[in-house]
Amino acid sequence: MTIPTKPFQVLLIGAGNRGAEVYGEWIRANPGQLRIAAVAEPIESRRITVAGQHQIPAERQFSTWEDALAAGRLADVAVIATQDQNHTAPTLAAMQAGYDVLLEKPMAHRLEDCVALVQAAERSGRVLQIAHVLRYTEFFQQLFRSALSYSPGKVLLKTHRCFQVDIRIIGPVYQCYILI
């Protein structure tokens, strides 16, 4: 495996909120780290916006992830930020095409798909990383600041539930609550 020179080239599959605004904005703010080299997005206005913001040439703009992956190796890594219910197929195809993948959460909606993704990563030797980026969003940052500034006597209750799955045992590992 050759280690790419910086900035790493990214194939962005899905240019909605997380793809274009979370990852895309971070990439624009950190041009020495990553560069979006190609984009696959079915909604033309989103695709054109991301392409313009990241100077992606027309021949590297695709309306489907299938077309992007069929075009050959376009980048060092793939970021999958499609709608939640559409994570499995493009991730499997990207790993089969030789990409290491950053997959936006949730990994998949069905346990069987989670297992298939892990098995595909193991078979292919590809990295499959699941992103949990909401903890860095303004909403969670405000929640964190609220927790730090809590003073006795102030009545404030907010809850957040999350479940984590440990793929090694394929089952719920813990349930967490944030109570402020």
Protein backbone atom coordinates (compact mmCIF):
# COMPACT_ATOMS: atom_id res chain seq x y z
CA MET A 1 0.00 0.00 0.00
CA THR A 2 1.40 3.39 -0.94
CA ILE A 3 0.82 6.27 1.43
CA PRO A 4 -0.63 9.22 -0.46
CA THR A 5 0.99 12.59 -0.22
CA LYS A 6 -1.00 15.36 1.41
CA PRO A 7 -3.52 16.60 0.85
CA PHE A 8 -5.40 13.31 0.72
CA GLN A 9 -7.79 13.15 -2.22
CA VAL A 10 -11.43 12.41 -1.34
CA LEU A 11 -14.26 10.93 -3.36
CA LEU A 12 -17.34 12.45 -1.71
CA ILE A 13 -20.41 10.27 -2.14
CA GLY A 14 -23.39 12.28 -0.93
CA ALA A 15 -23.32 16.08 -0.87
CA GLY A 16 -26.15 16.83 1.53
CA ASN A 17 -25.80 18.37 4.97
CA ARG A 18 -23.02 16.18 6.31
CA GLY A 19 -21.22 15.64 3.03
CA ALA A 20 -21.23 19.23 1.77
CA GLU A 21 -21.60 21.26 4.93
CA VAL A 22 -19.84 19.25 7.65
CA TYR A 23 -17.07 17.51 5.72
CA GLY A 24 -16.97 19.94 2.82
CA GLU A 25 -16.62 22.99 5.04
CA TRP A 26 -13.97 21.31 7.17
CA ILE A 27 -12.05 20.39 4.05
CA ARG A 28 -12.26 23.97 2.75
CA ALA A 29 -10.96 25.22 6.09
CA ASN A 30 -8.10 22.68 6.06
CA PRO A 31 -6.85 22.53 2.46
CA GLY A 32 -3.50 21.06 3.44
CA GLN A 33 -5.16 17.95 4.88
CA LEU A 34 -7.86 16.90 2.42
CA ARG A 35 -9.16 17.84 -1.00
CA ILE A 36 -12.42 16.73 -2.60
CA ALA A 37 -11.28 15.35 -5.94
CA ALA A 38 -14.65 13.98 -7.10
CA VAL A 39 -18.29 14.15 -6.03
CA ALA A 40 -21.28 11.85 -6.54
CA GLU A 41 -24.65 13.40 -5.71
CA PRO A 42 -28.02 12.79 -7.38
CA ILE A 43 -29.37 16.28 -6.64
CA GLU A 44 -27.84 18.47 -9.32
CA SER A 45 -27.88 21.75 -7.37
CA ARG A 46 -25.95 20.17 -4.49
CA ARG A 47 -23.47 18.54 -6.84
CA ILE A 48 -22.85 21.80 -8.69
CA THR A 49 -22.45 23.74 -5.44
CA VAL A 50 -19.86 21.33 -4.03
CA ALA A 51 -18.06 21.17 -7.37
CA GLY A 52 -17.83 24.95 -7.48
CA GLN A 53 -16.66 25.27 -3.88
CA HIS A 54 -13.96 22.65 -4.35
CA GLN A 55 -12.98 23.30 -8.00
CA ILE A 56 -14.01 19.81 -9.12
CA PRO A 57 -13.87 19.48 -12.92
CA ALA A 58 -16.98 18.33 -14.79
CA GLU A 59 -15.50 14.92 -15.60
CA ARG A 60 -15.27 14.20 -11.85
CA GLN A 61 -18.88 15.13 -11.06
CA PHE A 62 -21.31 12.20 -11.00
CA SER A 63 -25.04 11.91 -10.45
CA THR A 64 -24.70 8.40 -8.99
CA TRP A 65 -22.17 6.67 -6.81
CA GLU A 66 -22.23 3.77 -9.27
CA ASP A 67 -20.96 6.05 -12.05
CA ALA A 68 -18.27 7.50 -9.79
CA LEU A 69 -16.95 4.09 -8.79
CA ALA A 70 -17.12 2.84 -12.39
CA ALA A 71 -14.86 5.74 -13.47
CA GLY A 72 -11.79 4.13 -11.92
CA ARG A 73 -9.68 5.30 -9.02
CA LEU A 74 -10.49 9.00 -8.48
CA ALA A 75 -9.12 9.59 -4.98
CA ASP A 76 -7.22 8.11 -2.04
CA VAL A 77 -10.30 7.60 0.15
CA ALA A 78 -14.08 7.67 -0.10
CA VAL A 79 -16.40 9.52 2.26
CA ILE A 80 -19.90 8.04 2.22
CA ALA A 81 -22.44 10.64 3.37
CA THR A 82 -25.55 9.43 1.57
CA GLN A 83 -28.95 9.25 3.24
CA ASP A 84 -28.87 6.89 6.19
CA GLN A 85 -30.85 4.12 4.50
CA ASN A 86 -28.44 4.20 1.53
CA HIS A 87 -25.14 3.54 3.29
CA THR A 88 -24.57 -0.15 2.66
CA ALA A 89 -24.39 -0.53 -1.12
CA PRO A 90 -22.02 2.37 -1.89
CA THR A 91 -19.76 1.41 1.02
CA LEU A 92 -19.49 -2.20 -0.12
CA ALA A 93 -18.81 -1.07 -3.69
CA ALA A 94 -16.23 1.52 -2.60
CA MET A 95 -14.29 -1.05 -0.57
CA GLN A 96 -14.49 -3.52 -3.47
CA ALA A 97 -13.07 -0.76 -5.71
CA GLY A 98 -10.11 -0.43 -3.33
CA TYR A 99 -11.10 2.61 -1.29
CA ASP A 100 -10.66 3.02 2.42
CA VAL A 101 -13.97 4.46 3.63
CA LEU A 102 -15.15 7.02 6.13
CA LEU A 103 -18.83 6.13 6.55
CA GLU A 104 -21.21 8.60 8.14
CA LYS A 105 -23.27 7.17 10.97
CA PRO A 106 -25.39 5.17 11.27
CA MET A 107 -23.35 2.38 9.80
CA ALA A 108 -26.53 0.71 8.50
CA HIS A 109 -30.16 0.24 9.49
CA ARG A 110 -30.04 -3.53 9.71
CA LEU A 111 -27.73 -5.76 11.71
CA GLU A 112 -27.15 -7.95 8.65
CA ASP A 113 -25.86 -4.95 6.73
CA CYS A 114 -23.51 -4.01 9.57
CA VAL A 115 -22.11 -7.53 9.55
CA ALA A 116 -21.75 -7.46 5.75
CA LEU A 117 -19.84 -4.17 5.92
CA VAL A 118 -17.41 -5.44 8.56
CA GLN A 119 -16.87 -8.72 6.73
CA ALA A 120 -16.23 -6.87 3.46
CA ALA A 121 -13.67 -4.62 5.15
CA GLU A 122 -11.92 -7.64 6.65
CA ARG A 123 -11.91 -9.54 3.34
CA SER A 124 -10.67 -6.58 1.32
CA GLY A 125 -8.18 -5.29 3.88
CA ARG A 126 -9.78 -1.85 3.58
CA VAL A 127 -10.27 0.58 6.45
CA LEU A 128 -13.91 1.13 7.35
CA GLN A 129 -14.25 4.00 9.80
CA ILE A 130 -17.62 5.10 11.14
CA ALA A 131 -17.93 8.86 11.70
CA HIS A 132 -19.68 10.26 14.73
CA VAL A 133 -19.33 13.93 13.94
CA LEU A 134 -22.37 15.39 15.66
CA ARG A 135 -20.43 15.74 18.90
CA TYR A 136 -18.57 18.61 17.24
CA THR A 137 -21.66 20.43 16.00
CA GLU A 138 -22.83 23.66 17.58
CA PHE A 139 -25.83 21.91 19.20
CA PHE A 140 -23.66 19.46 21.13
CA GLN A 141 -21.08 22.12 21.92
CA GLN A 142 -23.84 24.26 23.48
CA LEU A 143 -25.08 21.23 25.40
CA PHE A 144 -21.55 20.63 26.69
CA ARG A 145 -21.13 24.28 27.70
CA SER A 146 -24.49 24.12 29.50
CA ALA A 147 -23.33 21.08 31.44
CA LEU A 148 -20.12 22.84 32.45
CA SER A 149 -21.94 25.96 33.59
CA TYR A 150 -24.61 24.13 35.59
CA SER A 151 -25.14 25.60 39.04
CA PRO A 152 -27.17 24.06 41.92
CA GLY A 153 -30.71 25.33 42.08
CA LYS A 154 -31.01 25.76 38.33
CA VAL A 155 -33.60 23.32 36.99
CA LEU A 156 -32.57 22.01 33.64
CA LEU A 157 -33.23 18.57 32.21
CA LYS A 158 -32.16 17.45 28.81
CA THR A 159 -31.77 13.87 27.71
CA HIS A 160 -29.86 12.27 24.92
CA ARG A 161 -29.88 8.52 24.38
CA CYS A 162 -27.42 6.65 22.27
CA PHE A 163 -26.69 3.02 21.59
CA GLN A 164 -23.33 1.73 20.51
CA VAL A 165 -22.77 -1.54 18.74
CA ASP A 166 -19.53 -3.43 19.15
CA ILE A 167 -19.13 -5.24 15.86
CA ARG A 168 -16.86 -7.87 17.43
CA ILE A 169 -19.81 -9.26 19.39
CA ILE A 170 -22.64 -7.81 17.25
CA GLY A 171 -24.77 -6.59 20.07
CA PRO A 172 -25.54 -3.60 22.22
CA VAL A 173 -22.58 -2.66 24.35
CA TYR A 174 -23.96 0.22 26.33
CA GLN A 175 -26.68 2.76 26.54
CA CYS A 176 -25.73 6.23 27.62
CA TYR A 177 -27.71 9.12 28.93
CA ILE A 178 -26.75 12.75 29.19
CA LEU A 179 -28.75 14.38 31.93
CA ILE A 180 -28.19 18.05 32.57
